[in-house]
Structures are given as structure tokens and as C-alpha cells.
Amino acid sequence: MFITGRKSVKRGTILVENVIFIVLNLVFLSVLFLFLFSRIGSAAVLEEKYAKQIALIIDAAKPGMKISLNMGDAIEKAEKELGKDKIDEAVKISDNVVMVKLRERGGYSYSFFNDVSVNSSYFSGNNLMLFIEEKPEI
């Protein structure tokens, strides 16, 4: 037995405390990583990603352009969450706002600043088709 100051410490006490500390940290980190990996491909992340991506594409577009955007992973999520009959409602563009909704509750909207009008947007297979036109004068 070692005597340090006024307390006596047995030889194995420090080792057990360190092992418990390391195991608890590993458990915490593994739970944290499991949570992060489960959220990476979630519908909420895809909604945000595609709303921003579509808005940035429209911002860079010129009147007369036809744009095709592959949204295969988003369509797959929307089919699971919404059903196949509501896929056409997954992306709505109106009044300089892009709204992407891949699940029943929720959705993500993002604004664009380009002074153009998106005449029509529809899905053709896994691709979202956008037709950009000049904004009509009021």
C-alpha cells in the first residue's frame, strides 16, 4: 500500500477508474456517431440541400434556359415518406421561393433573387425539369 499525503491508495484503484472512464467515453462517442450517420441521408437534410441547390441554379439561369437536375435520392425518399402519387408536389416554385417537401411533416424553403420566372417544373424520371422565362411586366 502506498501512502500519498493522508490518503492511502491501493495499486489497482487508478487503473479501474481509467478503464471505466475510457469505456464510458467510447460508448458516448459511438452513440454520437450513430446519430450523425443516421441523420446524414435523412429527408430533412435532402430538403435543405435541394432547395438551396435549385435556388442557386435559378439565380444563375438566364431566360430561355431549360435545366435538368438529377434528384434520384430525393425522389426515393419522397416515395417512401409521401407515396408515389405525391411526387409531383415535392418541389414547388412560386414568388422567388423554392419549397422542397419530401416528408409529410416539414419541408424547406429557400429564396432566389434572379428576376426570372420558372414557367414549369416537373419530374421526368429522376430528373427535375425547369423552364426559365423572363418575368412578365406588371
Protein backbone atom coordinates (compact mmCIF):
# COMPACT_ATOMS: atom_id res chain seq x y z
CA MET A 1 0.00 0.00 0.00
CA PHE A 2 1.23 3.45 -0.96
CA ILE A 3 0.63 6.39 1.25
CA THR A 4 0.27 9.71 -0.55
CA GLY A 5 -0.47 12.58 1.74
CA ARG A 6 -3.12 11.43 4.17
CA LYS A 7 -4.99 9.01 1.90
CA SER A 8 -3.87 5.52 1.18
CA VAL A 9 -4.34 4.36 -2.44
CA LYS A 10 -4.36 0.74 -3.49
CA ARG A 11 -2.41 -0.14 -6.63
CA GLY A 12 -5.39 -1.20 -8.79
CA THR A 13 -7.71 1.70 -8.00
CA ILE A 14 -6.35 4.16 -10.56
CA LEU A 15 -6.40 1.57 -13.35
CA VAL A 16 -10.06 0.66 -12.78
CA GLU A 17 -11.11 4.31 -12.77
CA ASN A 18 -9.24 4.94 -16.04
CA VAL A 19 -10.78 1.88 -17.71
CA ILE A 20 -14.29 2.94 -16.69
CA PHE A 21 -13.63 6.49 -17.95
CA ILE A 22 -12.37 5.21 -21.31
CA VAL A 23 -15.28 2.78 -21.76
CA LEU A 24 -17.86 5.48 -20.97
CA ASN A 25 -16.20 7.85 -23.46
CA LEU A 26 -16.22 5.17 -26.16
CA VAL A 27 -19.91 4.47 -25.55
CA PHE A 28 -20.73 8.18 -25.75
CA LEU A 29 -18.74 8.68 -28.96
CA SER A 30 -20.26 5.61 -30.63
CA VAL A 31 -23.79 6.83 -29.84
CA LEU A 32 -22.87 10.25 -31.20
CA PHE A 33 -21.51 8.79 -34.46
CA LEU A 34 -24.57 6.53 -34.87
CA PHE A 35 -26.83 9.55 -34.53
CA LEU A 36 -24.81 11.59 -37.04
CA PHE A 37 -24.71 8.81 -39.63
CA SER A 38 -28.46 8.24 -39.28
CA ARG A 39 -29.12 11.94 -39.98
CA ILE A 40 -26.77 12.35 -42.97
CA GLY A 41 -29.15 10.90 -45.55
CA SER A 42 -32.40 11.95 -43.90
CA ALA A 43 -35.23 13.67 -45.72
CA ALA A 44 -34.68 16.93 -43.80
CA VAL A 45 -31.08 17.20 -44.99
CA LEU A 46 -32.09 16.38 -48.58
CA GLU A 47 -34.85 19.01 -48.49
CA GLU A 48 -32.39 21.67 -47.44
CA LYS A 49 -29.77 20.54 -49.95
CA TYR A 50 -32.09 20.53 -52.95
CA ALA A 51 -33.93 23.75 -52.03
CA LYS A 52 -30.63 25.62 -51.88
CA GLN A 53 -29.27 23.92 -54.99
CA ILE A 54 -32.38 24.70 -57.07
CA ALA A 55 -32.41 28.32 -55.86
CA LEU A 56 -28.74 28.77 -56.76
CA ILE A 57 -29.32 27.24 -60.19
CA ILE A 58 -32.25 29.60 -60.82
CA ASP A 59 -30.14 32.56 -59.65
CA ALA A 60 -27.54 31.72 -62.31
CA ALA A 61 -30.11 30.99 -65.04
CA LYS A 62 -30.96 33.19 -67.99
CA PRO A 63 -34.37 33.42 -69.67
CA GLY A 64 -34.91 30.68 -72.22
CA MET A 65 -32.85 28.05 -70.39
CA LYS A 66 -34.05 24.50 -69.83
CA ILE A 67 -32.49 22.90 -66.77
CA SER A 68 -32.43 19.25 -65.76
CA LEU A 69 -31.44 18.33 -62.18
CA ASN A 70 -30.97 14.72 -61.09
CA MET A 71 -32.89 14.20 -57.82
CA GLY A 72 -32.87 10.39 -57.66
CA ASP A 73 -32.13 10.12 -53.94
CA ALA A 74 -34.73 12.75 -53.06
CA ILE A 75 -37.39 11.02 -55.16
CA GLU A 76 -36.59 7.74 -53.45
CA LYS A 77 -37.06 9.34 -50.00
CA ALA A 78 -40.26 11.11 -51.09
CA GLU A 79 -41.75 7.86 -52.41
CA LYS A 80 -41.15 6.25 -49.01
CA GLU A 81 -42.40 9.20 -46.97
CA LEU A 82 -45.18 10.69 -49.15
CA GLY A 83 -46.14 7.95 -51.57
CA LYS A 84 -45.73 7.73 -55.34
CA ASP A 85 -48.83 9.78 -56.11
CA LYS A 86 -47.48 12.94 -54.38
CA ILE A 87 -44.04 13.08 -56.02
CA ASP A 88 -45.07 15.99 -58.26
CA GLU A 89 -45.73 18.08 -55.12
CA ALA A 90 -42.19 17.57 -53.79
CA VAL A 91 -40.84 20.75 -55.43
CA LYS A 92 -42.86 23.95 -55.70
CA ILE A 93 -41.52 27.24 -57.04
CA SER A 94 -43.50 30.44 -56.62
CA ASP A 95 -42.77 34.11 -55.91
CA ASN A 96 -38.98 33.66 -55.91
CA VAL A 97 -39.17 30.89 -53.30
CA VAL A 98 -38.25 27.24 -53.81
CA MET A 99 -40.10 24.84 -51.49
CA VAL A 100 -38.90 21.22 -51.28
CA LYS A 101 -41.08 18.83 -49.28
CA LEU A 102 -40.01 15.18 -49.13
CA ARG A 103 -41.93 14.13 -46.00
CA GLU A 104 -45.41 14.53 -44.59
CA ARG A 105 -44.43 16.99 -41.87
CA GLY A 106 -41.83 19.54 -42.69
CA GLY A 107 -40.27 20.97 -45.79
CA TYR A 108 -37.62 23.55 -46.55
CA SER A 109 -37.93 26.79 -48.47
CA TYR A 110 -35.18 28.97 -49.88
CA SER A 111 -35.37 32.22 -51.81
CA PHE A 112 -33.69 33.16 -55.05
CA PHE A 113 -33.03 36.69 -56.29
CA ASN A 114 -32.86 36.41 -60.07
CA ASP A 115 -35.68 38.31 -61.75
CA VAL A 116 -36.91 35.37 -63.83
CA SER A 117 -39.98 33.19 -63.84
CA VAL A 118 -39.94 29.41 -63.66
CA ASN A 119 -42.63 28.62 -66.20
CA SER A 120 -42.99 24.97 -65.33
CA SER A 121 -41.26 22.37 -63.25
CA TYR A 122 -41.99 18.67 -63.40
CA PHE A 123 -40.27 15.34 -62.89
CA SER A 124 -39.12 13.27 -65.83
CA GLY A 125 -37.85 10.03 -64.36
CA ASN A 126 -35.31 11.00 -61.70
CA ASN A 127 -34.76 14.46 -63.17
CA LEU A 128 -36.45 17.72 -62.24
CA MET A 129 -37.06 19.77 -65.38
CA LEU A 130 -37.12 23.58 -65.05
CA PHE A 131 -38.02 26.04 -67.81
CA ILE A 132 -36.78 29.58 -67.16
CA GLU A 133 -38.52 32.58 -68.76
CA GLU A 134 -38.49 36.33 -68.37
CA LYS A 135 -40.64 37.61 -65.58
CA PRO A 136 -43.77 39.24 -67.02
CA GLU A 137 -44.08 43.01 -66.55
CA ILE A 138 -46.81 44.09 -64.19
